[in-house]
PDB file of all heavy atoms in Angstrom:
ATOM      1  N   ASP A   1     -13.851  26.054 -10.648  1.00  0.00           N
ATOM      2  CA  ASP A   1     -14.255  25.761  -9.269  1.00  0.00           C
ATOM      3  C   ASP A   1     -14.612  27.029  -8.505  1.00  0.00           C
ATOM      4  O   ASP A   1     -14.579  27.050  -7.286  1.00  0.00           O
ATOM      5  CB  ASP A   1     -13.163  24.978  -8.548  1.00  0.00           C
ATOM      6  CG  ASP A   1     -11.832  25.712  -8.499  1.00  0.00           C
ATOM      7  OD1 ASP A   1     -11.736  26.833  -9.033  1.00  0.00           O
ATOM      8  OD2 ASP A   1     -10.888  25.149  -7.923  1.00  0.00           O
ATOM      9  N   SER A   2     -14.986  28.077  -9.245  1.00  0.00           N
ATOM     10  CA  SER A   2     -15.291  29.349  -8.598  1.00  0.00           C
ATOM     11  C   SER A   2     -16.678  29.362  -7.947  1.00  0.00           C
ATOM     12  O   SER A   2     -16.949  30.206  -7.109  1.00  0.00           O
ATOM     13  CB  SER A   2     -15.178  30.501  -9.602  1.00  0.00           C
ATOM     14  OG  SER A   2     -16.117  30.334 -10.650  1.00  0.00           O
ATOM     15  N   ASN A   3     -17.532  28.436  -8.332  1.00  0.00           N
ATOM     16  CA  ASN A   3     -18.867  28.340  -7.734  1.00  0.00           C
ATOM     17  C   ASN A   3     -18.977  27.077  -6.895  1.00  0.00           C
ATOM     18  O   ASN A   3     -18.065  26.251  -6.860  1.00  0.00           O
ATOM     19  CB  ASN A   3     -19.934  28.317  -8.833  1.00  0.00           C
ATOM     20  CG  ASN A   3     -19.989  29.626  -9.578  1.00  0.00           C
ATOM     21  OD1 ASN A   3     -19.929  30.696  -8.976  1.00  0.00           O
ATOM     22  ND2 ASN A   3     -20.082  29.553 -10.900  1.00  0.00           N
ATOM     23  N   LYS A   4     -20.110  26.933  -6.244  1.00  0.00           N
ATOM     24  CA  LYS A   4     -20.363  25.760  -5.413  1.00  0.00           C
ATOM     25  C   LYS A   4     -20.260  24.477  -6.244  1.00  0.00           C
ATOM     26  O   LYS A   4     -19.663  23.501  -5.812  1.00  0.00           O
ATOM     27  CB  LYS A   4     -21.749  25.875  -4.773  1.00  0.00           C
ATOM     28  CG  LYS A   4     -22.119  24.705  -3.894  1.00  0.00           C
ATOM     29  CD  LYS A   4     -23.506  24.872  -3.308  1.00  0.00           C
ATOM     30  CE  LYS A   4     -23.915  23.612  -2.569  1.00  0.00           C
ATOM     31  NZ  LYS A   4     -25.303  23.664  -2.159  1.00  0.00           N
ATOM     32  N   ASN A   5     -20.863  24.497  -7.423  1.00  0.00           N
ATOM     33  CA  ASN A   5     -20.819  23.332  -8.310  1.00  0.00           C
ATOM     34  C   ASN A   5     -19.697  23.514  -9.325  1.00  0.00           C
ATOM     35  O   ASN A   5     -19.697  24.459 -10.098  1.00  0.00           O
ATOM     36  CB  ASN A   5     -22.151  23.167  -9.050  1.00  0.00           C
ATOM     37  CG  ASN A   5     -23.276  22.794  -8.127  1.00  0.00           C
ATOM     38  OD1 ASN A   5     -23.094  21.991  -7.224  1.00  0.00           O
ATOM     39  ND2 ASN A   5     -24.435  23.391  -8.335  1.00  0.00           N
ATOM     40  N   TYR A   6     -18.739  22.602  -9.303  1.00  0.00           N
ATOM     41  CA  TYR A   6     -17.653  22.640 -10.279  1.00  0.00           C
ATOM     42  C   TYR A   6     -18.237  22.429 -11.678  1.00  0.00           C
ATOM     43  O   TYR A   6     -19.154  21.638 -11.860  1.00  0.00           O
ATOM     44  CB  TYR A   6     -16.641  21.542 -10.005  1.00  0.00           C
ATOM     45  CG  TYR A   6     -15.786  21.741  -8.779  1.00  0.00           C
ATOM     46  CD1 TYR A   6     -16.046  22.726  -7.840  1.00  0.00           C
ATOM     47  CD2 TYR A   6     -14.703  20.922  -8.556  1.00  0.00           C
ATOM     48  CE1 TYR A   6     -15.241  22.887  -6.726  1.00  0.00           C
ATOM     49  CE2 TYR A   6     -13.891  21.068  -7.439  1.00  0.00           C
ATOM     50  CZ  TYR A   6     -14.174  22.061  -6.537  1.00  0.00           C
ATOM     51  OH  TYR A   6     -13.378  22.209  -5.437  1.00  0.00           O
ATOM     52  N   VAL A   7     -17.672  23.128 -12.656  1.00  0.00           N
ATOM     53  CA  VAL A   7     -18.083  22.951 -14.045  1.00  0.00           C
ATOM     54  C   VAL A   7     -16.854  22.505 -14.825  1.00  0.00           C
ATOM     55  O   VAL A   7     -15.810  23.147 -14.779  1.00  0.00           O
ATOM     56  CB  VAL A   7     -18.669  24.252 -14.638  1.00  0.00           C
ATOM     57  CG1 VAL A   7     -19.094  24.037 -16.083  1.00  0.00           C
ATOM     58  CG2 VAL A   7     -19.866  24.729 -13.806  1.00  0.00           C
ATOM     59  N   TYR A   8     -17.009  21.390 -15.541  1.00  0.00           N
ATOM     60  CA  TYR A   8     -15.910  20.800 -16.301  1.00  0.00           C
ATOM     61  C   TYR A   8     -16.037  21.186 -17.773  1.00  0.00           C
ATOM     62  O   TYR A   8     -17.137  21.194 -18.336  1.00  0.00           O
ATOM     63  CB  TYR A   8     -15.937  19.272 -16.163  1.00  0.00           C
ATOM     64  CG  TYR A   8     -15.722  18.819 -14.744  1.00  0.00           C
ATOM     65  CD1 TYR A   8     -16.784  18.714 -13.848  1.00  0.00           C
ATOM     66  CD2 TYR A   8     -14.447  18.510 -14.291  1.00  0.00           C
ATOM     67  CE1 TYR A   8     -16.577  18.305 -12.545  1.00  0.00           C
ATOM     68  CE2 TYR A   8     -14.232  18.098 -12.984  1.00  0.00           C
ATOM     69  CZ  TYR A   8     -15.309  18.002 -12.118  1.00  0.00           C
ATOM     70  OH  TYR A   8     -15.112  17.601 -10.821  1.00  0.00           O
ATOM     71  N   TYR A   9     -14.887  21.481 -18.394  1.00  0.00           N
ATOM     72  CA  TYR A   9     -14.813  21.886 -19.799  1.00  0.00           C
ATOM     73  C   TYR A   9     -13.680  21.118 -20.485  1.00  0.00           C
ATOM     74  O   TYR A   9     -12.673  20.803 -19.841  1.00  0.00           O
ATOM     75  CB  TYR A   9     -14.476  23.378 -19.916  1.00  0.00           C
ATOM     76  CG  TYR A   9     -15.509  24.302 -19.360  1.00  0.00           C
ATOM     77  CD1 TYR A   9     -15.433  24.746 -18.042  1.00  0.00           C
ATOM     78  CD2 TYR A   9     -16.569  24.738 -20.151  1.00  0.00           C
ATOM     79  CE1 TYR A   9     -16.385  25.602 -17.527  1.00  0.00           C
ATOM     80  CE2 TYR A   9     -17.525  25.598 -19.636  1.00  0.00           C
ATOM     81  CZ  TYR A   9     -17.429  26.030 -18.329  1.00  0.00           C
ATOM     82  OH  TYR A   9     -18.380  26.873 -17.816  1.00  0.00           O
ATOM     83  N   PRO A  10     -13.810  20.871 -21.785  1.00  0.00           N
ATOM     84  CA  PRO A  10     -12.688  20.245 -22.490  1.00  0.00           C
ATOM     85  C   PRO A  10     -11.549  21.247 -22.650  1.00  0.00           C
ATOM     86  O   PRO A  10     -11.781  22.430 -22.902  1.00  0.00           O
ATOM     87  CB  PRO A  10     -13.282  19.873 -23.850  1.00  0.00           C
ATOM     88  CG  PRO A  10     -14.404  20.842 -24.051  1.00  0.00           C
ATOM     89  CD  PRO A  10     -14.942  21.131 -22.672  1.00  0.00           C
ATOM     90  N   HIS A  11     -10.333  20.788 -22.452  1.00  0.00           N
ATOM     91  CA  HIS A  11      -9.153  21.653 -22.599  1.00  0.00           C
ATOM     92  C   HIS A  11      -8.780  21.818 -24.069  1.00  0.00           C
ATOM     93  O   HIS A  11      -8.158  22.803 -24.445  1.00  0.00           O
ATOM     94  CB  HIS A  11      -7.975  21.075 -21.825  1.00  0.00           C
ATOM     95  CG  HIS A  11      -6.741  21.899 -21.903  1.00  0.00           C
ATOM     96  ND1 HIS A  11      -6.601  23.079 -21.193  1.00  0.00           N
ATOM     97  CD2 HIS A  11      -5.605  21.748 -22.623  1.00  0.00           C
ATOM     98  CE1 HIS A  11      -5.422  23.603 -21.470  1.00  0.00           C
ATOM     99  NE2 HIS A  11      -4.798  22.813 -22.331  1.00  0.00           N
ATOM    100  N   CYS A  12      -9.172  20.844 -24.900  1.00  0.00           N
ATOM    101  CA  CYS A  12      -8.842  20.878 -26.313  1.00  0.00           C
ATOM    102  C   CYS A  12      -9.917  20.138 -27.097  1.00  0.00           C
ATOM    103  O   CYS A  12     -10.759  19.455 -26.520  1.00  0.00           O
ATOM    104  CB  CYS A  12      -7.477  20.228 -26.561  1.00  0.00           C
ATOM    105  SG  CYS A  12      -7.411  18.486 -26.068  1.00  0.00           S
ATOM    106  N   THR A  13      -9.877  20.282 -28.413  1.00  0.00           N
ATOM    107  CA  THR A  13     -10.801  19.544 -29.269  1.00  0.00           C
ATOM    108  C   THR A  13     -10.281  18.120 -29.456  1.00  0.00           C
ATOM    109  O   THR A  13      -9.115  17.818 -29.147  1.00  0.00           O
ATOM    110  CB  THR A  13     -10.936  20.200 -30.655  1.00  0.00           C
ATOM    111  OG1 THR A  13      -9.673  20.088 -31.335  1.00  0.00           O
ATOM    112  CG2 THR A  13     -11.363  21.644 -30.558  1.00  0.00           C
ATOM    113  N   LYS A  14     -11.111  17.259 -29.991  1.00  0.00           N
ATOM    114  CA  LYS A  14     -10.686  15.888 -30.263  1.00  0.00           C
ATOM    115  C   LYS A  14      -9.542  15.893 -31.276  1.00  0.00           C
ATOM    116  O   LYS A  14      -8.557  15.175 -31.109  1.00  0.00           O
ATOM    117  CB  LYS A  14     -11.867  15.061 -30.782  1.00  0.00           C
ATOM    118  CG  LYS A  14     -11.548  13.595 -30.960  1.00  0.00           C
ATOM    119  CD  LYS A  14     -12.790  12.820 -31.334  1.00  0.00           C
ATOM    120  CE  LYS A  14     -12.510  11.334 -31.370  1.00  0.00           C
ATOM    121  NZ  LYS A  14     -13.742  10.562 -31.651  1.00  0.00           N
ATOM    122  N   ASP A  15      -9.651  16.711 -32.320  1.00  0.00           N
ATOM    123  CA  ASP A  15      -8.589  16.788 -33.328  1.00  0.00           C
ATOM    124  C   ASP A  15      -7.274  17.263 -32.724  1.00  0.00           C
ATOM    125  O   ASP A  15      -6.214  16.742 -33.055  1.00  0.00           O
ATOM    126  CB  ASP A  15      -8.993  17.698 -34.482  1.00  0.00           C
ATOM    127  CG  ASP A  15     -10.052  17.081 -35.378  1.00  0.00           C
ATOM    128  OD1 ASP A  15     -10.235  15.843 -35.339  1.00  0.00           O
ATOM    129  OD2 ASP A  15     -10.703  17.839 -36.121  1.00  0.00           O
ATOM    130  N   GLU A  16      -7.343  18.238 -31.831  1.00  0.00           N
ATOM    131  CA  GLU A  16      -6.129  18.720 -31.180  1.00  0.00           C
ATOM    132  C   GLU A  16      -5.493  17.623 -30.321  1.00  0.00           C
ATOM    133  O   GLU A  16      -4.271  17.456 -30.313  1.00  0.00           O
ATOM    134  CB  GLU A  16      -6.423  19.946 -30.312  1.00  0.00           C
ATOM    135  CG  GLU A  16      -6.741  21.183 -31.112  1.00  0.00           C
ATOM    136  CD  GLU A  16      -7.326  22.316 -30.267  1.00  0.00           C
ATOM    137  OE1 GLU A  16      -7.840  22.055 -29.155  1.00  0.00           O
ATOM    138  OE2 GLU A  16      -7.271  23.461 -30.736  1.00  0.00           O
ATOM    139  N   HIS A  17      -6.327  16.869 -29.612  1.00  0.00           N
ATOM    140  CA  HIS A  17      -5.812  15.771 -28.791  1.00  0.00           C
ATOM    141  C   HIS A  17      -5.144  14.712 -29.667  1.00  0.00           C
ATOM    142  O   HIS A  17      -4.037  14.249 -29.366  1.00  0.00           O
ATOM    143  CB  HIS A  17      -6.917  15.129 -27.947  1.00  0.00           C
ATOM    144  CG  HIS A  17      -6.481  13.862 -27.292  1.00  0.00           C
ATOM    145  ND1 HIS A  17      -5.506  13.834 -26.310  1.00  0.00           N
ATOM    146  CD2 HIS A  17      -6.821  12.571 -27.519  1.00  0.00           C
ATOM    147  CE1 HIS A  17      -5.295  12.582 -25.937  1.00  0.00           C
ATOM    148  NE2 HIS A  17      -6.076  11.794 -26.651  1.00  0.00           N
ATOM    149  N   ILE A  18      -5.805  14.324 -30.751  1.00  0.00           N
ATOM    150  CA  ILE A  18      -5.252  13.300 -31.640  1.00  0.00           C
ATOM    151  C   ILE A  18      -3.930  13.777 -32.241  1.00  0.00           C
ATOM    152  O   ILE A  18      -2.963  13.016 -32.328  1.00  0.00           O
ATOM    153  CB  ILE A  18      -6.269  12.909 -32.730  1.00  0.00           C
ATOM    154  CG1 ILE A  18      -7.453  12.170 -32.086  1.00  0.00           C
ATOM    155  CG2 ILE A  18      -5.616  12.058 -33.816  1.00  0.00           C
ATOM    156  CD1 ILE A  18      -8.629  11.950 -33.013  1.00  0.00           C
ATOM    157  N   HIS A  19      -3.876  15.038 -32.625  1.00  0.00           N
ATOM    158  CA  HIS A  19      -2.648  15.606 -33.193  1.00  0.00           C
ATOM    159  C   HIS A  19      -1.504  15.532 -32.182  1.00  0.00           C
ATOM    160  O   HIS A  19      -0.392  15.083 -32.502  1.00  0.00           O
ATOM    161  CB  HIS A  19      -2.899  17.051 -33.633  1.00  0.00           C
ATOM    162  CG  HIS A  19      -1.707  17.700 -34.225  1.00  0.00           C
ATOM    163  ND1 HIS A  19      -1.254  17.419 -35.494  1.00  0.00           N
ATOM    164  CD2 HIS A  19      -0.853  18.616 -33.720  1.00  0.00           C
ATOM    165  CE1 HIS A  19      -0.170  18.130 -35.737  1.00  0.00           C
ATOM    166  NE2 HIS A  19       0.090  18.866 -34.686  1.00  0.00           N
ATOM    167  N   LYS A  20      -1.763  15.943 -30.951  1.00  0.00           N
ATOM    168  CA  LYS A  20      -0.734  15.919 -29.905  1.00  0.00           C
ATOM    169  C   LYS A  20      -0.307  14.486 -29.605  1.00  0.00           C
ATOM    170  O   LYS A  20       0.880  14.188 -29.466  1.00  0.00           O
ATOM    171  CB  LYS A  20      -1.264  16.603 -28.639  1.00  0.00           C
ATOM    172  CG  LYS A  20      -0.256  16.674 -27.519  1.00  0.00           C
ATOM    173  CD  LYS A  20      -0.823  17.402 -26.316  1.00  0.00           C
ATOM    174  CE  LYS A  20       0.161  17.389 -25.158  1.00  0.00           C
ATOM    175  NZ  LYS A  20      -0.401  17.993 -23.961  1.00  0.00           N
ATOM    176  N   TRP A  21      -1.278  13.582 -29.514  1.00  0.00           N
ATOM    177  CA  TRP A  21      -0.982  12.181 -29.243  1.00  0.00           C
ATOM    178  C   TRP A  21      -0.125  11.587 -30.351  1.00  0.00           C
ATOM    179  O   TRP A  21       0.848  10.864 -30.086  1.00  0.00           O
ATOM    180  CB  TRP A  21      -2.283  11.392 -29.072  1.00  0.00           C
ATOM    181  CG  TRP A  21      -2.061   9.934 -28.836  1.00  0.00           C
ATOM    182  CD1 TRP A  21      -1.803   9.333 -27.646  1.00  0.00           C
ATOM    183  CD2 TRP A  21      -2.058   8.902 -29.815  1.00  0.00           C
ATOM    184  NE1 TRP A  21      -1.645   7.978 -27.833  1.00  0.00           N
ATOM    185  CE2 TRP A  21      -1.795   7.688 -29.155  1.00  0.00           C
ATOM    186  CE3 TRP A  21      -2.270   8.892 -31.191  1.00  0.00           C
ATOM    187  CZ2 TRP A  21      -1.731   6.476 -29.824  1.00  0.00           C
ATOM    188  CZ3 TRP A  21      -2.187   7.672 -31.859  1.00  0.00           C
ATOM    189  CH2 TRP A  21      -1.924   6.488 -31.176  1.00  0.00           C
ATOM    190  N   THR A  22      -0.467  11.914 -31.596  1.00  0.00           N
ATOM    191  CA  THR A  22       0.291  11.409 -32.741  1.00  0.00           C
ATOM    192  C   THR A  22       1.724  11.942 -32.724  1.00  0.00           C
ATOM    193  O   THR A  22       2.675  11.197 -32.966  1.00  0.00           O
ATOM    194  CB  THR A  22      -0.409  11.779 -34.056  1.00  0.00           C
ATOM    195  OG1 THR A  22      -1.748  11.268 -34.029  1.00  0.00           O
ATOM    196  CG2 THR A  22       0.316  11.199 -35.254  1.00  0.00           C
ATOM    197  N   GLN A  23       1.881  13.221 -32.420  1.00  0.00           N
ATOM    198  CA  GLN A  23       3.228  13.798 -32.320  1.00  0.00           C
ATOM    199  C   GLN A  23       4.046  13.080 -31.251  1.00  0.00           C
ATOM    200  O   GLN A  23       5.217  12.763 -31.464  1.00  0.00           O
ATOM    201  CB  GLN A  23       3.155  15.284 -31.983  1.00  0.00           C
ATOM    202  CG  GLN A  23       2.753  16.160 -33.140  1.00  0.00           C
ATOM    203  CD  GLN A  23       2.719  17.622 -32.736  1.00  0.00           C
ATOM    204  OE1 GLN A  23       2.302  17.972 -31.630  1.00  0.00           O
ATOM    205  NE2 GLN A  23       3.151  18.487 -33.636  1.00  0.00           N
ATOM    206  N   ASN A  24       3.438  12.818 -30.101  1.00  0.00           N
ATOM    207  CA  ASN A  24       4.128  12.110 -29.019  1.00  0.00           C
ATOM    208  C   ASN A  24       4.495  10.683 -29.436  1.00  0.00           C
ATOM    209  O   ASN A  24       5.579  10.190 -29.110  1.00  0.00           O
ATOM    210  CB  ASN A  24       3.293  12.095 -27.744  1.00  0.00           C
ATOM    211  CG  ASN A  24       3.192  13.455 -27.097  1.00  0.00           C
ATOM    212  OD1 ASN A  24       4.038  14.318 -27.308  1.00  0.00           O
ATOM    213  ND2 ASN A  24       2.150  13.664 -26.320  1.00  0.00           N
ATOM    214  N   LEU A  25       3.599  10.026 -30.171  1.00  0.00           N
ATOM    215  CA  LEU A  25       3.855   8.668 -30.652  1.00  0.00           C
ATOM    216  C   LEU A  25       5.046   8.653 -31.609  1.00  0.00           C
ATOM    217  O   LEU A  25       5.948   7.825 -31.477  1.00  0.00           O
ATOM    218  CB  LEU A  25       2.615   8.100 -31.347  1.00  0.00           C
ATOM    219  CG  LEU A  25       2.811   6.747 -32.038  1.00  0.00           C
ATOM    220  CD1 LEU A  25       3.024   5.653 -30.996  1.00  0.00           C
ATOM    221  CD2 LEU A  25       1.624   6.432 -32.926  1.00  0.00           C
ATOM    222  N   VAL A  26       5.054   9.582 -32.553  1.00  0.00           N
ATOM    223  CA  VAL A  26       6.156   9.642 -33.518  1.00  0.00           C
ATOM    224  C   VAL A  26       7.472   9.923 -32.798  1.00  0.00           C
ATOM    225  O   VAL A  26       8.500   9.311 -33.085  1.00  0.00           O
ATOM    226  CB  VAL A  26       5.875  10.688 -34.621  1.00  0.00           C
ATOM    227  CG1 VAL A  26       7.096  10.916 -35.499  1.00  0.00           C
ATOM    228  CG2 VAL A  26       4.681  10.265 -35.473  1.00  0.00           C
ATOM    229  N   ARG A  27       7.437  10.821 -31.826  1.00  0.00           N
ATOM    230  CA  ARG A  27       8.644  11.164 -31.072  1.00  0.00           C
ATOM    231  C   ARG A  27       9.131   9.955 -30.258  1.00  0.00           C
ATOM    232  O   ARG A  27      10.303   9.605 -30.291  1.00  0.00           O
ATOM    233  CB  ARG A  27       8.373  12.355 -30.153  1.00  0.00           C
ATOM    234  CG  ARG A  27       9.588  12.870 -29.413  1.00  0.00           C
ATOM    235  CD  ARG A  27       9.368  14.148 -28.605  1.00  0.00           C
ATOM    236  NE  ARG A  27       8.031  14.475 -28.155  1.00  0.00           N
ATOM    237  CZ  ARG A  27       7.170  15.299 -28.811  1.00  0.00           C
ATOM    238  NH1 ARG A  27       7.516  15.880 -29.926  1.00  0.00           N
ATOM    239  NH2 ARG A  27       5.964  15.536 -28.322  1.00  0.00           N
ATOM    240  N   ALA A  28       8.224   9.309 -29.533  1.00  0.00           N
ATOM    241  CA  ALA A  28       8.618   8.230 -28.630  1.00  0.00           C
ATOM    242  C   ALA A  28       8.931   6.923 -29.356  1.00  0.00           C
ATOM    243  O   ALA A  28       9.904   6.247 -29.022  1.00  0.00           O
ATOM    244  CB  ALA A  28       7.520   7.987 -27.594  1.00  0.00           C
ATOM    245  N   ALA A  29       8.118   6.560 -30.328  1.00  0.00           N
ATOM    246  CA  ALA A  29       8.256   5.246 -30.956  1.00  0.00           C
ATOM    247  C   ALA A  29       9.118   5.257 -32.217  1.00  0.00           C
ATOM    248  O   ALA A  29       9.653   4.211 -32.603  1.00  0.00           O
ATOM    249  CB  ALA A  29       6.871   4.687 -31.287  1.00  0.00           C
ATOM    250  N   PHE A  30       9.244   6.410 -32.850  1.00  0.00           N
ATOM    251  CA  PHE A  30       9.943   6.454 -34.138  1.00  0.00           C
ATOM    252  C   PHE A  30      11.075   7.474 -34.166  1.00  0.00           C
ATOM    253  O   PHE A  30      11.485   7.933 -35.228  1.00  0.00           O
ATOM    254  CB  PHE A  30       8.937   6.722 -35.261  1.00  0.00           C
ATOM    255  CG  PHE A  30       7.859   5.679 -35.333  1.00  0.00           C
ATOM    256  CD1 PHE A  30       6.592   5.956 -34.846  1.00  0.00           C
ATOM    257  CD2 PHE A  30       8.116   4.417 -35.836  1.00  0.00           C
ATOM    258  CE1 PHE A  30       5.595   4.991 -34.891  1.00  0.00           C
ATOM    259  CE2 PHE A  30       7.131   3.445 -35.870  1.00  0.00           C
ATOM    260  CZ  PHE A  30       5.863   3.733 -35.396  1.00  0.00           C
ATOM    261  N   GLY A  31      11.573   7.837 -32.995  1.00  0.00           N
ATOM    262  CA  GLY A  31      12.702   8.748 -32.923  1.00  0.00           C
ATOM    263  C   GLY A  31      12.435  10.085 -33.578  1.00  0.00           C
ATOM    264  O   GLY A  31      13.343  10.708 -34.136  1.00  0.00           O
ATOM    265  N   ASN A  32      11.174  10.510 -33.536  1.00  0.00           N
ATOM    266  CA  ASN A  32      10.741  11.783 -34.127  1.00  0.00           C
ATOM    267  C   ASN A  32      11.011  11.841 -35.626  1.00  0.00           C
ATOM    268  O   ASN A  32      11.227  12.909 -36.194  1.00  0.00           O
ATOM    269  CB  ASN A  32      11.384  12.976 -33.414  1.00  0.00           C
ATOM    270  CG  ASN A  32      10.484  14.188 -33.436  1.00  0.00           C
ATOM    271  OD1 ASN A  32       9.270  14.056 -33.475  1.00  0.00           O
ATOM    272  ND2 ASN A  32      11.070  15.366 -33.410  1.00  0.00           N
ATOM    273  N   SER A  33      10.980  10.675 -36.265  1.00  0.00           N
ATOM    274  CA  SER A  33      11.252  10.587 -37.695  1.00  0.00           C
ATOM    275  C   SER A  33      10.020  10.107 -38.456  1.00  0.00           C
ATOM    276  O   SER A  33       9.558   8.979 -38.254  1.00  0.00           O
ATOM    277  CB  SER A  33      12.413   9.617 -37.943  1.00  0.00           C
ATOM    278  OG  SER A  33      12.510   9.294 -39.313  1.00  0.00           O
ATOM    279  N   ILE A  34       9.525  10.948 -39.335  1.00  0.00           N
ATOM    280  CA  ILE A  34       8.395  10.555 -40.184  1.00  0.00           C
ATOM    281  C   ILE A  34       8.829   9.398 -41.087  1.00  0.00           C
ATOM    282  O   ILE A  34       8.051   8.491 -41.364  1.00  0.00           O
ATOM    283  CB  ILE A  34       7.897  11.757 -41.023  1.00  0.00           C
ATOM    284  CG1 ILE A  34       7.359  12.852 -40.109  1.00  0.00           C
ATOM    285  CG2 ILE A  34       6.841  11.325 -42.030  1.00  0.00           C
ATOM    286  CD1 ILE A  34       6.133  12.465 -39.311  1.00  0.00           C
ATOM    287  N   GLY A  35      10.101   9.431 -41.518  1.00  0.00           N
ATOM    288  CA  GLY A  35      10.616   8.338 -42.351  1.00  0.00           C
ATOM    289  C   GLY A  35      10.524   7.002 -41.640  1.00  0.00           C
ATOM    290  O   GLY A  35      10.119   5.996 -42.239  1.00  0.00           O
ATOM    291  N   ASN A  36      10.901   6.971 -40.355  1.00  0.00           N
ATOM    292  CA  ASN A  36      10.795   5.732 -39.579  1.00  0.00           C
ATOM    293  C   ASN A  36       9.339   5.308 -39.420  1.00  0.00           C
ATOM    294  O   ASN A  36       9.033   4.120 -39.440  1.00  0.00           O
ATOM    295  CB  ASN A  36      11.434   5.900 -38.204  1.00  0.00           C
ATOM    296  CG  ASN A  36      12.942   6.015 -38.265  1.00  0.00           C
ATOM    297  OD1 ASN A  36      13.567   5.719 -39.284  1.00  0.00           O
ATOM    298  ND2 ASN A  36      13.546   6.470 -37.173  1.00  0.00           N
ATOM    299  N   LEU A  37       8.456   6.269 -39.258  1.00  0.00           N
ATOM    300  CA  LEU A  37       7.028   5.969 -39.140  1.00  0.00           C
ATOM    301  C   LEU A  37       6.513   5.327 -40.430  1.00  0.00           C
ATOM    302  O   LEU A  37       5.856   4.287 -40.397  1.00  0.00           O
ATOM    303  CB  LEU A  37       6.237   7.251 -38.838  1.00  0.00           C
ATOM    304  CG  LEU A  37       4.723   7.139 -38.869  1.00  0.00           C
ATOM    305  CD1 LEU A  37       4.216   6.286 -37.711  1.00  0.00           C
ATOM    306  CD2 LEU A  37       4.090   8.523 -38.816  1.00  0.00           C
ATOM    307  N   VAL A  38       6.820   5.938 -41.561  1.00  0.00           N
ATOM    308  CA  VAL A  38       6.367   5.404 -42.855  1.00  0.00           C
ATOM    309  C   VAL A  38       6.953   4.015 -43.073  1.00  0.00           C
ATOM    310  O   VAL A  38       6.261   3.101 -43.517  1.00  0.00           O
ATOM    311  CB  VAL A  38       6.728   6.368 -44.010  1.00  0.00           C
ATOM    312  CG1 VAL A  38       6.446   5.727 -45.360  1.00  0.00           C
ATOM    313  CG2 VAL A  38       5.951   7.672 -43.876  1.00  0.00           C
ATOM    314  N   CYS A  39       8.224   3.847 -42.722  1.00  0.00           N
ATOM    315  CA  CYS A  39       8.881   2.548 -42.871  1.00  0.00           C
ATOM    316  C   CYS A  39       8.162   1.485 -42.039  1.00  0.00           C
ATOM    317  O   CYS A  39       7.967   0.360 -42.487  1.00  0.00           O
ATOM    318  CB  CYS A  39      10.346   2.665 -42.478  1.00  0.00           C
ATOM    319  SG  CYS A  39      11.305   1.172 -42.801  1.00  0.00           S
ATOM    320  N   ALA A  40       7.755   1.853 -40.827  1.00  0.00           N
ATOM    321  CA  ALA A  40       7.037   0.911 -39.964  1.00  0.00           C
ATOM    322  C   ALA A  40       5.703   0.510 -40.585  1.00  0.00           C
ATOM    323  O   ALA A  40       5.312  -0.656 -40.537  1.00  0.00           O
ATOM    324  CB  ALA A  40       6.815   1.522 -38.583  1.00  0.00           C
ATOM    325  N   PHE A  41       5.014   1.468 -41.190  1.00  0.00           N
ATOM    326  CA  PHE A  41       3.717   1.167 -41.792  1.00  0.00           C
ATOM    327  C   PHE A  41       3.843   0.352 -43.069  1.00  0.00           C
ATOM    328  O   PHE A  41       2.961  -0.423 -43.406  1.00  0.00           O
ATOM    329  CB  PHE A  41       2.925   2.452 -42.067  1.00  0.00           C
ATOM    330  CG  PHE A  41       2.191   2.948 -40.854  1.00  0.00           C
ATOM    331  CD1 PHE A  41       2.637   4.074 -40.191  1.00  0.00           C
ATOM    332  CD2 PHE A  41       1.088   2.287 -40.359  1.00  0.00           C
ATOM    333  CE1 PHE A  41       1.985   4.529 -39.058  1.00  0.00           C
ATOM    334  CE2 PHE A  41       0.427   2.727 -39.228  1.00  0.00           C
ATOM    335  CZ  PHE A  41       0.877   3.853 -38.576  1.00  0.00           C
ATOM    336  N   THR A  42       4.925   0.525 -43.775  1.00  0.00           N
ATOM    337  CA  THR A  42       5.102  -0.223 -45.029  1.00  0.00           C
ATOM    338  C   THR A  42       5.806  -1.543 -44.801  1.00  0.00           C
ATOM    339  O   THR A  42       5.949  -2.327 -45.730  1.00  0.00           O
ATOM    340  CB  THR A  42       5.915   0.605 -46.047  1.00  0.00           C
ATOM    341  OG1 THR A  42       7.233   0.814 -45.533  1.00  0.00           O
ATOM    342  CG2 THR A  42       5.239   1.906 -46.371  1.00  0.00           C
ATOM    343  N   GLY A  43       6.274  -1.784 -43.573  1.00  0.00           N
ATOM    344  CA  GLY A  43       6.997  -3.015 -43.279  1.00  0.00           C
ATOM    345  C   GLY A  43       8.340  -3.065 -43.973  1.00  0.00           C
ATOM    346  O   GLY A  43       8.857  -4.126 -44.282  1.00  0.00           O
ATOM    347  N   GLY A  44       8.896  -1.892 -44.270  1.00  0.00           N
ATOM    348  CA  GLY A  44      10.191  -1.820 -44.941  1.00  0.00           C
ATOM    349  C   GLY A  44      10.097  -1.940 -46.450  1.00  0.00           C
ATOM    350  O   GLY A  44      11.109  -1.902 -47.141  1.00  0.00           O
TER     351      GLY A  44
END
């Protein structure tokens, strides 16, 4: 916002966003356990 016209830029790449989102999902939904995540995908 240093000029009259604001210029918008991405803060991260798409891959970086997906990685962060996935980490948050595993933490929130699976107790930060990859084992719980795999178990959910395999249906036990």
